[in-house]
């Protein structure tokens, strides 16, 4: 296995690591809100519910970045993407 495009590989690695950090740091917060019982969740203020929604969006963004990083790494390794698709 040979890296054909080192810039894409490095960029993909950086994006993948960034996405992994976002997922690792947001997952415990999501689990905290998921383990709250329904009656406690109903009592939460609207601000905290909005925070939960924002955390979910951040987590989804982390998953997208992680997948994009993996795709860039794979593209940098595959030979047919070296000079464009023929």
C-alpha atoms as a PDB file:
ATOM      1  CA  UNK A   1       0.000   0.000   0.000  1.00  0.00           C
ATOM      2  CA  UNK A   2       1.451   3.303  -1.089  1.00  0.00           C
ATOM      3  CA  UNK A   3       0.273   6.835  -0.414  1.00  0.00           C
ATOM      4  CA  UNK A   4      -0.236   8.476  -3.799  1.00  0.00           C
ATOM      5  CA  UNK A   5      -1.199  11.963  -2.641  1.00  0.00           C
ATOM      6  CA  UNK A   6       0.436  12.946   0.634  1.00  0.00           C
ATOM      7  CA  UNK A   7      -1.431  16.256   1.002  1.00  0.00           C
ATOM      8  CA  UNK A   8      -4.824  14.565   0.822  1.00  0.00           C
ATOM      9  CA  UNK A   9      -3.643  11.873   3.225  1.00  0.00           C
ATOM     10  CA  UNK A  10      -2.444  14.410   5.797  1.00  0.00           C
ATOM     11  CA  UNK A  11      -5.584  16.531   5.425  1.00  0.00           C
ATOM     12  CA  UNK A  12      -7.757  13.419   5.791  1.00  0.00           C
ATOM     13  CA  UNK A  13      -5.845  12.373   8.893  1.00  0.00           C
ATOM     14  CA  UNK A  14      -6.270  15.797  10.499  1.00  0.00           C
ATOM     15  CA  UNK A  15      -9.998  15.913   9.686  1.00  0.00           C
ATOM     16  CA  UNK A  16     -10.489  12.363  10.971  1.00  0.00           C
ATOM     17  CA  UNK A  17      -8.726  13.167  14.257  1.00  0.00           C
ATOM     18  CA  UNK A  18     -10.797  16.351  14.662  1.00  0.00           C
ATOM     19  CA  UNK A  19     -14.016  14.402  14.102  1.00  0.00           C
ATOM     20  CA  UNK A  20     -12.914  11.740  16.576  1.00  0.00           C
ATOM     21  CA  UNK A  21     -12.212  14.372  19.244  1.00  0.00           C
ATOM     22  CA  UNK A  22     -15.640  15.922  18.745  1.00  0.00           C
ATOM     23  CA  UNK A  23     -17.335  12.528  19.046  1.00  0.00           C
ATOM     24  CA  UNK A  24     -15.328  11.493  22.117  1.00  0.00           C
ATOM     25  CA  UNK A  25     -16.049  14.692  24.026  1.00  0.00           C
ATOM     26  CA  UNK A  26     -19.741  14.988  23.086  1.00  0.00           C
ATOM     27  CA  UNK A  27     -20.778  11.356  23.599  1.00  0.00           C
ATOM     28  CA  UNK A  28     -20.729  11.412  27.450  1.00  0.00           C
ATOM     29  CA  UNK A  29     -22.860  14.548  27.447  1.00  0.00           C
ATOM     30  CA  UNK A  30     -25.409  12.912  25.171  1.00  0.00           C
ATOM     31  CA  UNK A  31     -25.489   9.826  27.378  1.00  0.00           C
ATOM     32  CA  UNK A  32     -26.106  12.017  30.432  1.00  0.00           C
ATOM     33  CA  UNK A  33     -29.229  13.464  28.846  1.00  0.00           C
ATOM     34  CA  UNK A  34     -30.340  10.047  27.551  1.00  0.00           C
ATOM     35  CA  UNK A  35     -30.234   8.505  31.036  1.00  0.00           C
ATOM     36  CA  UNK A  36     -32.433  11.185  32.542  1.00  0.00           C
ATOM     37  CA  UNK A  37     -35.883   9.871  33.264  1.00  0.00           C
ATOM     38  CA  UNK A  38     -38.729  11.336  31.239  1.00  0.00           C
ATOM     39  CA  UNK A  39     -40.259  13.225  34.162  1.00  0.00           C
ATOM     40  CA  UNK A  40     -36.915  14.868  34.959  1.00  0.00           C
ATOM     41  CA  UNK A  41     -36.362  15.690  31.280  1.00  0.00           C
ATOM     42  CA  UNK A  42     -39.771  17.396  31.134  1.00  0.00           C
ATOM     43  CA  UNK A  43     -38.808  19.587  34.097  1.00  0.00           C
ATOM     44  CA  UNK A  44     -35.599  20.803  32.421  1.00  0.00           C
ATOM     45  CA  UNK A  45     -35.547  24.386  31.367  1.00  0.00           C
ATOM     46  CA  UNK A  46     -35.777  25.251  27.705  1.00  0.00           C
ATOM     47  CA  UNK A  47     -32.148  26.408  27.763  1.00  0.00           C
ATOM     48  CA  UNK A  48     -30.942  22.959  28.770  1.00  0.00           C
ATOM     49  CA  UNK A  49     -33.109  21.318  26.119  1.00  0.00           C
ATOM     50  CA  UNK A  50     -31.568  23.642  23.527  1.00  0.00           C
ATOM     51  CA  UNK A  51     -28.092  22.717  24.772  1.00  0.00           C
ATOM     52  CA  UNK A  52     -28.960  19.036  24.314  1.00  0.00           C
ATOM     53  CA  UNK A  53     -30.081  19.691  20.741  1.00  0.00           C
ATOM     54  CA  UNK A  54     -26.868  21.615  20.022  1.00  0.00           C
ATOM     55  CA  UNK A  55     -24.779  18.757  21.424  1.00  0.00           C
ATOM     56  CA  UNK A  56     -26.600  16.336  19.120  1.00  0.00           C
ATOM     57  CA  UNK A  57     -25.816  18.562  16.131  1.00  0.00           C
ATOM     58  CA  UNK A  58     -22.143  18.775  17.168  1.00  0.00           C
ATOM     59  CA  UNK A  59     -21.973  14.998  17.509  1.00  0.00           C
ATOM     60  CA  UNK A  60     -23.458  14.541  14.033  1.00  0.00           C
ATOM     61  CA  UNK A  61     -20.930  17.052  12.684  1.00  0.00           C
ATOM     62  CA  UNK A  62     -18.144  15.010  14.327  1.00  0.00           C
ATOM     63  CA  UNK A  63     -19.393  11.844  12.636  1.00  0.00           C
ATOM     64  CA  UNK A  64     -19.460  13.623   9.275  1.00  0.00           C
ATOM     65  CA  UNK A  65     -15.904  14.935   9.757  1.00  0.00           C
ATOM     66  CA  UNK A  66     -14.689  11.484  10.793  1.00  0.00           C
ATOM     67  CA  UNK A  67     -16.225   9.908   7.681  1.00  0.00           C
ATOM     68  CA  UNK A  68     -14.864  12.656   5.434  1.00  0.00           C
ATOM     69  CA  UNK A  69     -11.382  12.133   6.854  1.00  0.00           C
ATOM     70  CA  UNK A  70     -11.538   8.394   6.184  1.00  0.00           C
ATOM     71  CA  UNK A  71     -12.729   9.048   2.632  1.00  0.00           C
ATOM     72  CA  UNK A  72      -9.829  11.451   1.989  1.00  0.00           C
ATOM     73  CA  UNK A  73      -7.355   8.909   3.327  1.00  0.00           C
ATOM     74  CA  UNK A  74      -8.781   6.202   1.074  1.00  0.00           C
ATOM     75  CA  UNK A  75      -8.763   8.540  -1.930  1.00  0.00           C
ATOM     76  CA  UNK A  76      -5.109   9.392  -1.281  1.00  0.00           C
ATOM     77  CA  UNK A  77      -4.209   5.696  -1.269  1.00  0.00           C
ATOM     78  CA  UNK A  78      -6.147   4.561  -4.341  1.00  0.00           C
ATOM     79  CA  UNK A  79      -4.222   4.806  -7.593  1.00  0.00           C
ATOM     80  CA  UNK A  80      -7.104   5.725  -9.890  1.00  0.00           C
ATOM     81  CA  UNK A  81      -7.627   9.047  -8.099  1.00  0.00           C
ATOM     82  CA  UNK A  82      -3.991  10.086  -8.620  1.00  0.00           C
ATOM     83  CA  UNK A  83      -4.649  12.220 -11.709  1.00  0.00           C
ATOM     84  CA  UNK A  84      -8.431  12.313 -11.638  1.00  0.00           C
ATOM     85  CA  UNK A  85     -10.926   9.694 -12.701  1.00  0.00           C
ATOM     86  CA  UNK A  86     -10.230   8.311 -16.161  1.00  0.00           C
END
